Amino acid sequence: MRHIGNIAEKKQAERFVHFLAAQHIEAVLRPAQDTGYAVWVLEEDRVAAARQHLAAFLARPDDQRFDAARVHQRRRTPAARWRFINIRTDLLHGRRLSTGSVTGLCIAVSVVVTLLANLPAFAPLTAKLYFSEYFGTSFPEIRAGQVWRLVTPIFLHAGVLHLVFNMLWLYQLGIQIEAQESSRYFAVMVLVLAVICNTGQYVVSGPLFVGMSGVVYGLLGYIWMMTRFQIGTLYLLSQQTVLLMLIWLGLCLVHIIPHVANTEHIVGLLVGVAWGFVRSGGWSQMRRRRRFRKRLE
């Protein structure tokens, strides 16, 4: 950990730290004793590069190359740039967001399956999409080879509002993960979350549950951890969004919002948080920040 210099204005200091993060250099700001803000670099082997960047920044602080978003855009190849999605910018400017292939497929299947489930002619077919037709924890159909039941309940929804709510969150969260990782990675994540959440809900409460909510909370937990710990992350998730979803979870747990698969929500969130924490290198980041705070004391 090394102090590399000071920047007078707070906004400019924060802008420079974001630029360093885009260069995979982790740094933090601390109020300087005289004026301005001190820039501290956590990794000793990145101090020299950080000082060079700081000298260039102080010489030309308004240079657009120090904008973190532009740095990330330039680093992407033309073939991969179409996959970059900045939800905050695109929504504010009214641009149409592109849906990732797996995200779009999940939404399409959910809409079709939910609509067909309300038609009596398709009742025998949709009945095979539920986790089980029996209470208990013996997994009779799955043990008989109907393994798709571990996943398919996520595509069924209890009405239009339930469907719309889940699809909006799946769209907002899913396209970020699919853009930053890959379609295959996101597909595996959806399958793993579905199996774990559905199994947990079945064991706790039986087979009467449907919906994508467990997967959505898993995606939320994953992106939450990535925004907190991944250096130079391009994931976007406001603390207000996290707070809103946690409040919603709490209202469901105390039954102000009834008839909700609470086990799915909790299990999904915990799995997503653990997955994102590991993926983002959370342990090493926490240790590094702890060492940094101790040296400041």
C-alpha atoms as a PDB file:
ATOM      1  CA  MET A   1       0.000   0.000   0.000  1.00  0.00           C
ATOM      2  CA  ARG A   2       1.429   3.376  -1.010  1.00  0.00           C
ATOM      3  CA  HIS A   3       0.343   7.012  -1.077  1.00  0.00           C
ATOM      4  CA  ILE A   4       0.966   8.292  -4.605  1.00  0.00           C
ATOM      5  CA  GLY A   5      -0.282  11.879  -4.407  1.00  0.00           C
ATOM      6  CA  ASN A   6      -3.198  14.232  -3.824  1.00  0.00           C
ATOM      7  CA  ILE A   7      -6.049  15.584  -5.959  1.00  0.00           C
ATOM      8  CA  ALA A   8      -7.757  18.799  -4.914  1.00  0.00           C
ATOM      9  CA  GLU A   9     -11.364  18.247  -6.024  1.00  0.00           C
ATOM     10  CA  LYS A  10     -13.407  15.310  -4.756  1.00  0.00           C
ATOM     11  CA  LYS A  11     -15.200  14.623  -8.061  1.00  0.00           C
ATOM     12  CA  GLN A  12     -11.930  14.612  -9.958  1.00  0.00           C
ATOM     13  CA  ALA A  13     -10.338  12.354  -7.341  1.00  0.00           C
ATOM     14  CA  GLU A  14     -13.221   9.891  -7.618  1.00  0.00           C
ATOM     15  CA  ARG A  15     -12.989  10.040 -11.404  1.00  0.00           C
ATOM     16  CA  PHE A  16      -9.297   9.174 -11.256  1.00  0.00           C
ATOM     17  CA  VAL A  17      -9.880   6.246  -8.874  1.00  0.00           C
ATOM     18  CA  HIS A  18     -12.533   4.896 -11.259  1.00  0.00           C
ATOM     19  CA  PHE A  19     -10.013   5.208 -14.072  1.00  0.00           C
ATOM     20  CA  LEU A  20      -7.464   3.236 -12.041  1.00  0.00           C
ATOM     21  CA  ALA A  21     -10.081   0.549 -11.402  1.00  0.00           C
ATOM     22  CA  ALA A  22     -10.561   0.276 -15.163  1.00  0.00           C
ATOM     23  CA  GLN A  23      -6.803  -0.343 -15.349  1.00  0.00           C
ATOM     24  CA  HIS A  24      -7.183  -3.081 -12.705  1.00  0.00           C
ATOM     25  CA  ILE A  25      -5.393  -0.942 -10.118  1.00  0.00           C
ATOM     26  CA  GLU A  26      -7.245  -0.826  -6.811  1.00  0.00           C
ATOM     27  CA  ALA A  27      -7.020   2.487  -5.002  1.00  0.00           C
ATOM     28  CA  VAL A  28      -8.904   4.361  -2.300  1.00  0.00           C
ATOM     29  CA  LEU A  29      -9.294   8.013  -1.305  1.00  0.00           C
ATOM     30  CA  ARG A  30      -8.663   9.555   2.088  1.00  0.00           C
ATOM     31  CA  PRO A  31      -9.015  13.249   3.072  1.00  0.00           C
ATOM     32  CA  ALA A  32      -5.583  14.884   2.976  1.00  0.00           C
ATOM     33  CA  GLN A  33      -4.269  16.679   6.037  1.00  0.00           C
ATOM     34  CA  ASP A  34      -3.865  19.970   4.205  1.00  0.00           C
ATOM     35  CA  THR A  35      -6.278  20.138   1.249  1.00  0.00           C
ATOM     36  CA  GLY A  36      -7.795  17.748  -1.231  1.00  0.00           C
ATOM     37  CA  TYR A  37      -7.844  13.972  -1.220  1.00  0.00           C
ATOM     38  CA  ALA A  38      -4.981  11.518  -0.941  1.00  0.00           C
ATOM     39  CA  VAL A  39      -4.831   8.602  -3.391  1.00  0.00           C
ATOM     40  CA  TRP A  40      -3.600   5.308  -1.910  1.00  0.00           C
ATOM     41  CA  VAL A  41      -2.775   2.305  -4.094  1.00  0.00           C
ATOM     42  CA  LEU A  42      -3.264  -1.043  -2.376  1.00  0.00           C
ATOM     43  CA  GLU A  43      -0.919  -3.229  -4.448  1.00  0.00           C
ATOM     44  CA  GLU A  44       2.786  -2.413  -4.279  1.00  0.00           C
ATOM     45  CA  ASP A  45       3.522  -3.760  -7.753  1.00  0.00           C
ATOM     46  CA  ARG A  46       1.039  -1.309  -9.301  1.00  0.00           C
ATOM     47  CA  VAL A  47       2.369   1.823  -7.593  1.00  0.00           C
ATOM     48  CA  ALA A  48       4.728   2.869 -10.415  1.00  0.00           C
ATOM     49  CA  ALA A  49       2.014   2.577 -13.059  1.00  0.00           C
ATOM     50  CA  ALA A  50      -0.465   4.434 -10.847  1.00  0.00           C
ATOM     51  CA  ARG A  51       1.990   7.305 -10.339  1.00  0.00           C
ATOM     52  CA  GLN A  52       2.466   7.641 -14.091  1.00  0.00           C
ATOM     53  CA  HIS A  53      -1.294   7.775 -14.565  1.00  0.00           C
ATOM     54  CA  LEU A  54      -1.614  10.355 -11.791  1.00  0.00           C
ATOM     55  CA  ALA A  55       1.044  12.603 -13.335  1.00  0.00           C
ATOM     56  CA  ALA A  56      -0.756  12.492 -16.677  1.00  0.00           C
ATOM     57  CA  PHE A  57      -4.083  13.129 -14.961  1.00  0.00           C
ATOM     58  CA  LEU A  58      -2.836  16.155 -13.024  1.00  0.00           C
ATOM     59  CA  ALA A  59      -1.397  17.568 -16.236  1.00  0.00           C
ATOM     60  CA  ARG A  60      -4.657  17.144 -18.166  1.00  0.00           C
ATOM     61  CA  PRO A  61      -7.500  16.272 -15.743  1.00  0.00           C
ATOM     62  CA  ASP A  62     -10.236  16.893 -18.327  1.00  0.00           C
ATOM     63  CA  ASP A  63      -8.812  14.483 -20.866  1.00  0.00           C
ATOM     64  CA  GLN A  64     -11.558  12.065 -21.935  1.00  0.00           C
ATOM     65  CA  ARG A  65      -9.207   9.097 -21.790  1.00  0.00           C
ATOM     66  CA  PHE A  66      -9.565   9.187 -18.013  1.00  0.00           C
ATOM     67  CA  ASP A  67     -13.257   8.433 -18.250  1.00  0.00           C
ATOM     68  CA  ALA A  68     -13.598   4.838 -16.968  1.00  0.00           C
ATOM     69  CA  ALA A  69     -16.502   3.923 -19.259  1.00  0.00           C
ATOM     70  CA  ARG A  70     -14.530   5.003 -22.343  1.00  0.00           C
ATOM     71  CA  VAL A  71     -11.538   2.965 -21.205  1.00  0.00           C
ATOM     72  CA  HIS A  72     -13.656  -0.175 -21.017  1.00  0.00           C
ATOM     73  CA  GLN A  73     -15.226   0.527 -24.406  1.00  0.00           C
ATOM     74  CA  ARG A  74     -11.812   0.926 -26.063  1.00  0.00           C
ATOM     75  CA  ARG A  75     -10.521  -2.286 -24.557  1.00  0.00           C
ATOM     76  CA  ARG A  76     -13.272  -4.324 -26.185  1.00  0.00           C
ATOM     77  CA  THR A  77     -12.713  -5.667 -29.669  1.00  0.00           C
ATOM     78  CA  PRO A  78     -15.213  -4.605 -32.369  1.00  0.00           C
ATOM     79  CA  ALA A  79     -16.578  -8.160 -32.459  1.00  0.00           C
ATOM     80  CA  ALA A  80     -17.294  -8.127 -28.719  1.00  0.00           C
ATOM     81  CA  ARG A  81     -18.355  -4.487 -28.310  1.00  0.00           C
ATOM     82  CA  TRP A  82     -21.966  -5.194 -29.325  1.00  0.00           C
ATOM     83  CA  ARG A  83     -22.307  -7.300 -26.189  1.00  0.00           C
ATOM     84  CA  PHE A  84     -21.511  -4.384 -23.861  1.00  0.00           C
ATOM     85  CA  ILE A  85     -24.633  -3.050 -22.145  1.00  0.00           C
ATOM     86  CA  ASN A  86     -24.717   0.025 -19.953  1.00  0.00           C
ATOM     87  CA  ILE A  87     -28.197  -0.170 -18.484  1.00  0.00           C
ATOM     88  CA  ARG A  88     -28.062   3.149 -16.637  1.00  0.00           C
ATOM     89  CA  THR A  89     -26.947   5.148 -19.687  1.00  0.00           C
ATOM     90  CA  ASP A  90     -29.249   3.386 -22.141  1.00  0.00           C
ATOM     91  CA  LEU A  91     -32.329   3.770 -19.966  1.00  0.00           C
ATOM     92  CA  LEU A  92     -31.696   7.452 -19.265  1.00  0.00           C
ATOM     93  CA  HIS A  93     -31.363   8.164 -22.985  1.00  0.00           C
ATOM     94  CA  GLY A  94     -34.316   6.011 -23.981  1.00  0.00           C
ATOM     95  CA  ARG A  95     -32.286   3.574 -26.021  1.00  0.00           C
ATOM     96  CA  ARG A  96     -33.531   0.087 -26.741  1.00  0.00           C
ATOM     97  CA  LEU A  97     -31.555  -2.548 -24.865  1.00  0.00           C
ATOM     98  CA  SER A  98     -30.537  -5.743 -26.623  1.00  0.00           C
ATOM     99  CA  THR A  99     -31.612  -8.918 -24.898  1.00  0.00           C
ATOM    100  CA  GLY A 100     -29.070 -11.700 -24.557  1.00  0.00           C
ATOM    101  CA  SER A 101     -29.968 -14.964 -26.233  1.00  0.00           C
ATOM    102  CA  VAL A 102     -30.425 -17.009 -23.047  1.00  0.00           C
ATOM    103  CA  THR A 103     -32.217 -14.175 -21.251  1.00  0.00           C
ATOM    104  CA  GLY A 104     -34.591 -13.780 -24.188  1.00  0.00           C
ATOM    105  CA  LEU A 105     -35.154 -17.539 -24.376  1.00  0.00           C
ATOM    106  CA  CYS A 106     -36.014 -17.714 -20.662  1.00  0.00           C
ATOM    107  CA  ILE A 107     -38.481 -14.855 -21.029  1.00  0.00           C
ATOM    108  CA  ALA A 108     -40.088 -16.368 -24.130  1.00  0.00           C
ATOM    109  CA  VAL A 109     -40.441 -19.823 -22.576  1.00  0.00           C
ATOM    110  CA  SER A 110     -41.887 -18.340 -19.373  1.00  0.00           C
ATOM    111  CA  VAL A 111     -44.501 -16.360 -21.288  1.00  0.00           C
ATOM    112  CA  VAL A 112     -45.526 -19.292 -23.490  1.00  0.00           C
ATOM    113  CA  VAL A 113     -45.637 -21.847 -20.657  1.00  0.00           C
ATOM    114  CA  THR A 114     -47.603 -19.536 -18.359  1.00  0.00           C
ATOM    115  CA  LEU A 115     -50.172 -18.837 -21.072  1.00  0.00           C
ATOM    116  CA  LEU A 116     -50.553 -22.518 -21.966  1.00  0.00           C
ATOM    117  CA  ALA A 117     -50.912 -23.451 -18.301  1.00  0.00           C
ATOM    118  CA  ASN A 118     -54.192 -21.500 -18.213  1.00  0.00           C
ATOM    119  CA  LEU A 119     -55.684 -23.507 -21.091  1.00  0.00           C
ATOM    120  CA  PRO A 120     -57.516 -26.685 -19.989  1.00  0.00           C
ATOM    121  CA  ALA A 121     -56.410 -28.560 -23.110  1.00  0.00           C
ATOM    122  CA  PHE A 122     -52.771 -28.317 -22.007  1.00  0.00           C
ATOM    123  CA  ALA A 123     -53.362 -29.305 -18.369  1.00  0.00           C
ATOM    124  CA  PRO A 124     -51.862 -32.828 -18.730  1.00  0.00           C
ATOM    125  CA  LEU A 125     -48.727 -31.353 -20.303  1.00  0.00           C
ATOM    126  CA  THR A 126     -48.216 -28.482 -17.865  1.00  0.00           C
ATOM    127  CA  ALA A 127     -48.787 -30.822 -14.921  1.00  0.00           C
ATOM    128  CA  LYS A 128     -45.501 -32.495 -15.850  1.00  0.00           C
ATOM    129  CA  LEU A 129     -43.655 -29.180 -15.473  1.00  0.00           C
ATOM    130  CA  TYR A 130     -44.328 -28.864 -11.747  1.00  0.00           C
ATOM    131  CA  PHE A 131     -41.705 -30.163  -9.332  1.00  0.00           C
ATOM    132  CA  SER A 132     -43.980 -32.967  -8.220  1.00  0.00           C
ATOM    133  CA  GLU A 133     -47.644 -33.960  -8.043  1.00  0.00           C
ATOM    134  CA  TYR A 134     -47.239 -35.392  -4.551  1.00  0.00           C
ATOM    135  CA  PHE A 135     -46.506 -33.984  -1.128  1.00  0.00           C
ATOM    136  CA  GLY A 136     -43.561 -35.250   0.858  1.00  0.00           C
ATOM    137  CA  THR A 137     -39.828 -35.308   0.179  1.00  0.00           C
ATOM    138  CA  SER A 138     -39.411 -38.576  -1.686  1.00  0.00           C
ATOM    139  CA  PHE A 139     -38.940 -37.050  -5.173  1.00  0.00           C
ATOM    140  CA  PRO A 140     -41.034 -39.785  -6.859  1.00  0.00           C
ATOM    141  CA  GLU A 141     -41.123 -38.403 -10.425  1.00  0.00           C
ATOM    142  CA  ILE A 142     -37.498 -37.282 -10.422  1.00  0.00           C
ATOM    143  CA  ARG A 143     -36.343 -40.648  -9.152  1.00  0.00           C
ATOM    144  CA  ALA A 144     -38.340 -42.158 -12.012  1.00  0.00           C
ATOM    145  CA  GLY A 145     -36.261 -40.182 -14.514  1.00  0.00           C
ATOM    146  CA  GLN A 146     -38.284 -36.957 -14.948  1.00  0.00           C
ATOM    147  CA  VAL A 147     -35.263 -34.811 -14.090  1.00  0.00           C
ATOM    148  CA  TRP A 148     -36.567 -31.791 -16.001  1.00  0.00           C
ATOM    149  CA  ARG A 149     -38.884 -31.144 -13.032  1.00  0.00           C
ATOM    150  CA  LEU A 150     -35.868 -29.877 -11.112  1.00  0.00           C
ATOM    151  CA  VAL A 151     -35.842 -26.838 -13.425  1.00  0.00           C
ATOM    152  CA  THR A 152     -39.211 -26.356 -15.170  1.00  0.00           C
ATOM    153  CA  PRO A 153     -41.179 -24.807 -12.244  1.00  0.00           C
ATOM    154  CA  ILE A 154     -39.289 -21.542 -12.891  1.00  0.00           C
ATOM    155  CA  PHE A 155     -41.185 -21.133 -16.182  1.00  0.00           C
ATOM    156  CA  LEU A 156     -44.648 -21.380 -14.578  1.00  0.00           C
ATOM    157  CA  HIS A 157     -46.197 -18.286 -13.002  1.00  0.00           C
ATOM    158  CA  ALA A 158     -49.285 -17.621 -10.937  1.00  0.00           C
ATOM    159  CA  GLY A 159     -50.841 -14.911 -13.078  1.00  0.00           C
ATOM    160  CA  VAL A 160     -49.876 -12.003 -15.288  1.00  0.00           C
ATOM    161  CA  LEU A 161     -48.549  -9.718 -12.536  1.00  0.00           C
ATOM    162  CA  HIS A 162     -46.301 -12.459 -11.193  1.00  0.00           C
ATOM    163  CA  LEU A 163     -44.998 -13.113 -14.697  1.00  0.00           C
ATOM    164  CA  VAL A 164     -44.400  -9.444 -15.547  1.00  0.00           C
ATOM    165  CA  PHE A 165     -42.641  -8.720 -12.249  1.00  0.00           C
ATOM    166  CA  ASN A 166     -40.236 -11.625 -12.627  1.00  0.00           C
ATOM    167  CA  MET A 167     -39.567 -11.031 -16.319  1.00  0.00           C
ATOM    168  CA  LEU A 168     -38.708  -7.370 -15.769  1.00  0.00           C
ATOM    169  CA  TRP A 169     -36.112  -8.294 -13.135  1.00  0.00           C
ATOM    170  CA  LEU A 170     -34.813 -11.189 -15.205  1.00  0.00           C
ATOM    171  CA  TYR A 171     -34.374  -8.804 -18.137  1.00  0.00           C
ATOM    172  CA  GLN A 172     -32.559  -6.149 -16.114  1.00  0.00           C
ATOM    173  CA  LEU A 173     -30.229  -8.555 -14.324  1.00  0.00           C
ATOM    174  CA  GLY A 174     -29.843 -11.317 -16.884  1.00  0.00           C
ATOM    175  CA  ILE A 175     -28.612  -9.206 -19.772  1.00  0.00           C
ATOM    176  CA  GLN A 176     -25.847  -7.771 -17.582  1.00  0.00           C
ATOM    177  CA  ILE A 177     -24.497 -11.188 -16.622  1.00  0.00           C
ATOM    178  CA  GLU A 178     -24.858 -12.567 -20.137  1.00  0.00           C
ATOM    179  CA  ALA A 179     -23.041  -9.543 -21.571  1.00  0.00           C
ATOM    180  CA  GLN A 180     -20.196  -9.534 -19.047  1.00  0.00           C
ATOM    181  CA  GLU A 181     -19.677 -13.309 -18.832  1.00  0.00           C
ATOM    182  CA  SER A 182     -21.177 -15.352 -21.691  1.00  0.00           C
ATOM    183  CA  SER A 183     -24.444 -16.956 -22.727  1.00  0.00           C
ATOM    184  CA  ARG A 184     -23.154 -20.370 -21.655  1.00  0.00           C
ATOM    185  CA  TYR A 185     -22.093 -19.074 -18.249  1.00  0.00           C
ATOM    186  CA  PHE A 186     -25.501 -17.458 -17.717  1.00  0.00           C
ATOM    187  CA  ALA A 187     -27.339 -20.613 -18.823  1.00  0.00           C
ATOM    188  CA  VAL A 188     -25.376 -22.683 -16.303  1.00  0.00           C
ATOM    189  CA  MET A 189     -26.135 -20.111 -13.605  1.00  0.00           C
ATOM    190  CA  VAL A 190     -29.881 -20.232 -14.307  1.00  0.00           C
ATOM    191  CA  LEU A 191     -29.898 -24.043 -14.250  1.00  0.00           C
ATOM    192  CA  VAL A 192     -27.900 -24.277 -11.016  1.00  0.00           C
ATOM    193  CA  LEU A 193     -30.036 -21.658  -9.271  1.00  0.00           C
ATOM    194  CA  ALA A 194     -33.238 -23.306 -10.499  1.00  0.00           C
ATOM    195  CA  VAL A 195     -32.244 -26.767  -9.256  1.00  0.00           C
ATOM    196  CA  ILE A 196     -31.076 -25.557  -5.837  1.00  0.00           C
ATOM    197  CA  CYS A 197     -33.986 -23.154  -5.249  1.00  0.00           C
ATOM    198  CA  ASN A 198     -36.675 -25.564  -6.444  1.00  0.00           C
ATOM    199  CA  THR A 199     -35.267 -28.440  -4.422  1.00  0.00           C
ATOM    200  CA  GLY A 200     -35.060 -26.303  -1.289  1.00  0.00           C
ATOM    201  CA  GLN A 201     -38.632 -25.062  -1.676  1.00  0.00           C
ATOM    202  CA  TYR A 202     -39.929 -28.606  -2.259  1.00  0.00           C
ATOM    203  CA  VAL A 203     -38.157 -29.994   0.811  1.00  0.00           C
ATOM    204  CA  VAL A 204     -39.450 -27.180   3.055  1.00  0.00           C
ATOM    205  CA  SER A 205     -42.988 -26.597   1.767  1.00  0.00           C
ATOM    206  CA  GLY A 206     -43.944 -29.237  -0.764  1.00  0.00           C
ATOM    207  CA  PRO A 207     -44.585 -29.035  -4.519  1.00  0.00           C
ATOM    208  CA  LEU A 208     -47.061 -26.137  -4.690  1.00  0.00           C
ATOM    209  CA  PHE A 209     -44.760 -23.400  -5.989  1.00  0.00           C
ATOM    210  CA  VAL A 210     -43.965 -21.735  -9.311  1.00  0.00           C
ATOM    211  CA  GLY A 211     -41.956 -18.813 -10.620  1.00  0.00           C
ATOM    212  CA  MET A 212     -38.566 -17.371 -11.514  1.00  0.00           C
ATOM    213  CA  SER A 213     -38.211 -15.462  -8.222  1.00  0.00           C
ATOM    214  CA  GLY A 214     -35.528 -17.709  -6.740  1.00  0.00           C
ATOM    215  CA  VAL A 215     -33.386 -17.351  -9.858  1.00  0.00           C
ATOM    216  CA  VAL A 216     -33.951 -13.574  -9.897  1.00  0.00           C
ATOM    217  CA  TYR A 217     -32.793 -13.228  -6.291  1.00  0.00           C
ATOM    218  CA  GLY A 218     -29.768 -15.350  -7.142  1.00  0.00           C
ATOM    219  CA  LEU A 219     -28.864 -13.031 -10.018  1.00  0.00           C
ATOM    220  CA  LEU A 220     -29.368 -10.046  -7.723  1.00  0.00           C
ATOM    221  CA  GLY A 221     -27.017 -11.486  -5.103  1.00  0.00           C
ATOM    222  CA  TYR A 222     -24.403 -12.291  -7.744  1.00  0.00           C
ATOM    223  CA  ILE A 223     -24.344  -8.791  -9.274  1.00  0.00           C
ATOM    224  CA  TRP A 224     -24.442  -7.228  -5.804  1.00  0.00           C
ATOM    225  CA  MET A 225     -21.198  -8.965  -4.869  1.00  0.00           C
ATOM    226  CA  MET A 226     -19.589  -8.218  -8.236  1.00  0.00           C
ATOM    227  CA  THR A 227     -20.268  -4.478  -7.819  1.00  0.00           C
ATOM    228  CA  ARG A 228     -18.778  -4.552  -4.326  1.00  0.00           C
ATOM    229  CA  PHE A 229     -15.624  -6.583  -4.903  1.00  0.00           C
ATOM    230  CA  GLN A 230     -14.699  -6.969  -8.588  1.00  0.00           C
ATOM    231  CA  ILE A 231     -11.932  -4.556  -9.598  1.00  0.00           C
ATOM    232  CA  GLY A 232     -12.916  -2.475 -12.622  1.00  0.00           C
ATOM    233  CA  THR A 233     -16.377  -4.027 -12.747  1.00  0.00           C
ATOM    234  CA  LEU A 234     -18.851  -3.045 -15.442  1.00  0.00           C
ATOM    235  CA  TYR A 235     -21.813  -4.376 -13.502  1.00  0.00           C
ATOM    236  CA  LEU A 236     -24.325  -1.745 -12.454  1.00  0.00           C
ATOM    237  CA  LEU A 237     -26.581  -2.111  -9.427  1.00  0.00           C
ATOM    238  CA  SER A 238     -27.684   0.712  -7.183  1.00  0.00           C
ATOM    239  CA  GLN A 239     -27.923   0.276  -3.428  1.00  0.00           C
ATOM    240  CA  GLN A 240     -31.525   1.474  -3.709  1.00  0.00           C
ATOM    241  CA  THR A 241     -32.317  -1.527  -5.901  1.00  0.00           C
ATOM    242  CA  VAL A 242     -30.744  -3.925  -3.393  1.00  0.00           C
ATOM    243  CA  LEU A 243     -32.643  -2.248  -0.551  1.00  0.00           C
ATOM    244  CA  LEU A 244     -35.940  -2.463  -2.465  1.00  0.00           C
ATOM    245  CA  MET A 245     -35.495  -6.173  -3.140  1.00  0.00           C
ATOM    246  CA  LEU A 246     -34.517  -6.878   0.478  1.00  0.00           C
ATOM    247  CA  ILE A 247     -37.564  -4.955   1.731  1.00  0.00           C
ATOM    248  CA  TRP A 248     -39.747  -6.971  -0.634  1.00  0.00           C
ATOM    249  CA  LEU A 249     -38.177 -10.166   0.708  1.00  0.00           C
ATOM    250  CA  GLY A 250     -38.877  -9.040   4.271  1.00  0.00           C
ATOM    251  CA  LEU A 251     -42.528  -8.253   3.496  1.00  0.00           C
ATOM    252  CA  CYS A 252     -42.917 -11.736   2.052  1.00  0.00           C
ATOM    253  CA  LEU A 253     -41.280 -13.362   5.077  1.00  0.00           C
ATOM    254  CA  VAL A 254     -43.706 -11.699   7.520  1.00  0.00           C
ATOM    255  CA  HIS A 255     -46.644 -12.619   5.237  1.00  0.00           C
ATOM    256  CA  ILE A 256     -47.669  -9.044   4.466  1.00  0.00           C
ATOM    257  CA  ILE A 257     -47.358 -10.317   0.903  1.00  0.00           C
ATOM    258  CA  PRO A 258     -48.877 -13.816   1.190  1.00  0.00           C
ATOM    259  CA  HIS A 259     -48.578 -17.030  -0.813  1.00  0.00           C
ATOM    260  CA  VAL A 260     -44.932 -16.550  -1.766  1.00  0.00           C
ATOM    261  CA  ALA A 261     -42.196 -19.187  -2.093  1.00  0.00           C
ATOM    262  CA  ASN A 262     -39.980 -17.643   0.568  1.00  0.00           C
ATOM    263  CA  THR A 263     -37.524 -20.528   0.689  1.00  0.00           C
ATOM    264  CA  GLU A 264     -36.777 -20.004  -3.018  1.00  0.00           C
ATOM    265  CA  HIS A 265     -36.071 -16.328  -2.419  1.00  0.00           C
ATOM    266  CA  ILE A 266     -33.755 -16.891   0.532  1.00  0.00           C
ATOM    267  CA  VAL A 267     -31.897 -19.823  -1.002  1.00  0.00           C
ATOM    268  CA  GLY A 268     -31.511 -18.003  -4.324  1.00  0.00           C
ATOM    269  CA  LEU A 269     -30.147 -14.865  -2.678  1.00  0.00           C
ATOM    270  CA  LEU A 270     -27.667 -16.816  -0.530  1.00  0.00           C
ATOM    271  CA  VAL A 271     -26.420 -18.899  -3.460  1.00  0.00           C
ATOM    272  CA  GLY A 272     -26.083 -15.796  -5.656  1.00  0.00           C
ATOM    273  CA  VAL A 273     -24.182 -13.892  -2.964  1.00  0.00           C
ATOM    274  CA  ALA A 274     -21.810 -16.817  -2.402  1.00  0.00           C
ATOM    275  CA  TRP A 275     -21.274 -17.294  -6.146  1.00  0.00           C
ATOM    276  CA  GLY A 276     -20.604 -13.602  -6.758  1.00  0.00           C
ATOM    277  CA  PHE A 277     -18.352 -13.327  -3.708  1.00  0.00           C
ATOM    278  CA  VAL A 278     -16.138 -16.157  -4.943  1.00  0.00           C
ATOM    279  CA  ARG A 279     -16.232 -15.029  -8.576  1.00  0.00           C
ATOM    280  CA  SER A 280     -15.234 -11.448  -7.714  1.00  0.00           C
ATOM    281  CA  GLY A 281     -12.323 -12.474  -5.462  1.00  0.00           C
ATOM    282  CA  GLY A 282     -14.131 -11.176  -2.410  1.00  0.00           C
ATOM    283  CA  TRP A 283     -11.873 -12.873   0.153  1.00  0.00           C
ATOM    284  CA  SER A 284      -8.677 -11.347  -1.235  1.00  0.00           C
ATOM    285  CA  GLN A 285     -10.312  -7.939  -1.572  1.00  0.00           C
ATOM    286  CA  MET A 286     -11.536  -8.001   2.023  1.00  0.00           C
ATOM    287  CA  ARG A 287      -8.096  -9.025   3.327  1.00  0.00           C
ATOM    288  CA  ARG A 288      -6.403  -6.315   1.277  1.00  0.00           C
ATOM    289  CA  ARG A 289      -8.801  -3.645   2.503  1.00  0.00           C
ATOM    290  CA  ARG A 290      -8.423  -4.836   6.099  1.00  0.00           C
ATOM    291  CA  ARG A 291      -4.638  -4.542   5.866  1.00  0.00           C
ATOM    292  CA  PHE A 292      -5.046  -1.093   4.355  1.00  0.00           C
ATOM    293  CA  ARG A 293      -7.292   0.118   7.195  1.00  0.00           C
ATOM    294  CA  LYS A 294      -4.894  -1.227   9.824  1.00  0.00           C
ATOM    295  CA  ARG A 295      -1.997   0.686   8.294  1.00  0.00           C
ATOM    296  CA  LEU A 296      -4.039   3.893   8.429  1.00  0.00           C
ATOM    297  CA  GLU A 297      -4.774   3.476  12.135  1.00  0.00           C
END
